[in-house]
Amino acid sequence: YPGHTGSFIDFPSKTIKAGGHGVPDGENMLRNADGSVRYYTTYEAKLLQTFPKEYRITGSWSESMRQIGNAVPVELAGIIAGSLIDTVWGKRST
């Protein structure tokens, strides 16, 4: 319906939300060139959350989307962890 707009393929994605169907404003959805929308696959959603390609998410689509949506993006978690390490123990050696 009109509120479920989805994310355009060549623009930043809307937030990946925990859960599957019933999310407002088209989160977890991709807008196709013809204007139709579809839900992300779990593979697409995990890549948007910067999980490694080979990382395995188990469970049904809804369970997997809940896991992915509840996760802090992997690359963001690494940046935050690195900053905490720098703050607590001094600069990291690179």
Protein backbone atom coordinates (compact mmCIF):
# COMPACT_ATOMS: atom_id res chain seq x y z
CA TYR A 1 0.00 0.00 0.00
CA PRO A 2 1.12 3.65 -0.37
CA GLY A 3 2.93 3.83 2.99
CA HIS A 4 5.18 0.91 2.12
CA THR A 5 7.55 2.76 -0.16
CA GLY A 6 10.63 0.59 0.22
CA SER A 7 14.23 1.68 -0.38
CA PHE A 8 15.49 2.58 -3.83
CA ILE A 9 18.35 0.34 -4.98
CA ASP A 10 20.75 3.21 -5.65
CA PHE A 11 20.04 5.16 -2.45
CA PRO A 12 20.88 4.41 1.19
CA SER A 13 18.59 1.80 2.69
CA LYS A 14 16.01 2.55 5.33
CA THR A 15 16.77 1.08 8.72
CA ILE A 16 16.63 -2.71 8.89
CA LYS A 17 14.08 -3.35 11.62
CA ALA A 18 13.76 -6.43 13.78
CA GLY A 19 10.83 -8.47 12.58
CA GLY A 20 9.30 -9.10 9.25
CA HIS A 21 5.92 -8.03 8.03
CA GLY A 22 4.00 -5.11 9.41
CA VAL A 23 6.88 -2.65 9.68
CA PRO A 24 5.72 0.88 8.82
CA ASP A 25 6.99 3.00 5.93
CA GLY A 26 8.49 0.15 3.94
CA GLU A 27 11.47 -0.78 6.08
CA ASN A 28 12.96 -4.15 5.11
CA MET A 29 11.69 -3.60 1.57
CA LEU A 30 13.29 -2.78 -1.77
CA ARG A 31 11.58 -0.63 -4.40
CA ASN A 32 11.98 -2.04 -7.91
CA ALA A 33 12.44 0.13 -11.01
CA ASP A 34 8.81 -0.49 -12.02
CA GLY A 35 7.56 0.89 -8.68
CA SER A 36 6.69 -2.46 -7.13
CA VAL A 37 8.22 -3.41 -3.79
CA ARG A 38 9.49 -6.64 -2.31
CA TYR A 39 10.97 -7.67 1.01
CA TYR A 40 14.74 -7.96 1.33
CA THR A 41 16.14 -11.45 1.33
CA THR A 42 18.00 -12.33 4.51
CA TYR A 43 21.21 -12.29 2.45
CA GLU A 44 20.56 -8.71 1.29
CA ALA A 45 19.62 -7.58 4.80
CA LYS A 46 22.73 -9.07 6.40
CA LEU A 47 24.95 -7.36 3.80
CA LEU A 48 23.25 -4.04 4.54
CA GLN A 49 24.11 -4.60 8.21
CA THR A 50 27.72 -5.26 7.09
CA PHE A 51 27.80 -8.91 8.13
CA PRO A 52 30.43 -10.86 6.19
CA LYS A 53 29.04 -12.62 3.09
CA GLU A 54 29.86 -16.03 4.55
CA TYR A 55 28.24 -15.32 7.96
CA ARG A 56 25.37 -17.70 8.49
CA ILE A 57 22.02 -16.56 9.88
CA THR A 58 19.74 -19.47 10.85
CA GLY A 59 16.01 -19.70 11.33
CA SER A 60 12.95 -18.71 9.36
CA TRP A 61 12.84 -15.47 7.38
CA SER A 62 11.09 -13.68 10.28
CA GLU A 63 13.54 -15.05 12.86
CA SER A 64 16.49 -14.13 10.66
CA MET A 65 15.20 -10.59 10.08
CA ARG A 66 14.73 -10.21 13.84
CA GLN A 67 18.36 -11.23 14.42
CA ILE A 68 19.65 -8.96 11.66
CA GLY A 69 17.48 -6.01 12.70
CA ASN A 70 18.50 -6.31 16.36
CA ALA A 71 22.19 -6.35 15.46
CA VAL A 72 24.47 -3.34 15.53
CA PRO A 73 26.03 -3.12 12.05
CA VAL A 74 29.28 -5.09 12.23
CA GLU A 75 31.51 -2.31 10.86
CA LEU A 76 29.95 0.24 13.24
CA ALA A 77 30.53 -2.10 16.19
CA GLY A 78 34.19 -2.39 15.17
CA ILE A 79 34.60 1.38 15.03
CA ILE A 80 32.97 1.83 18.43
CA ALA A 81 35.04 -0.97 19.96
CA GLY A 82 38.23 0.53 18.51
CA SER A 83 37.38 3.93 19.94
CA LEU A 84 36.73 2.41 23.36
CA ILE A 85 40.04 0.55 23.24
CA ASP A 86 41.83 3.78 22.30
CA THR A 87 40.14 5.65 25.13
CA VAL A 88 40.72 3.03 27.82
CA TRP A 89 44.13 1.66 26.87
CA GLY A 90 45.61 4.32 24.63
CA LYS A 91 46.05 4.32 20.89
CA ARG A 92 46.10 0.98 19.10
CA SER A 93 49.08 0.05 17.02
CA THR A 94 48.15 -0.36 13.36
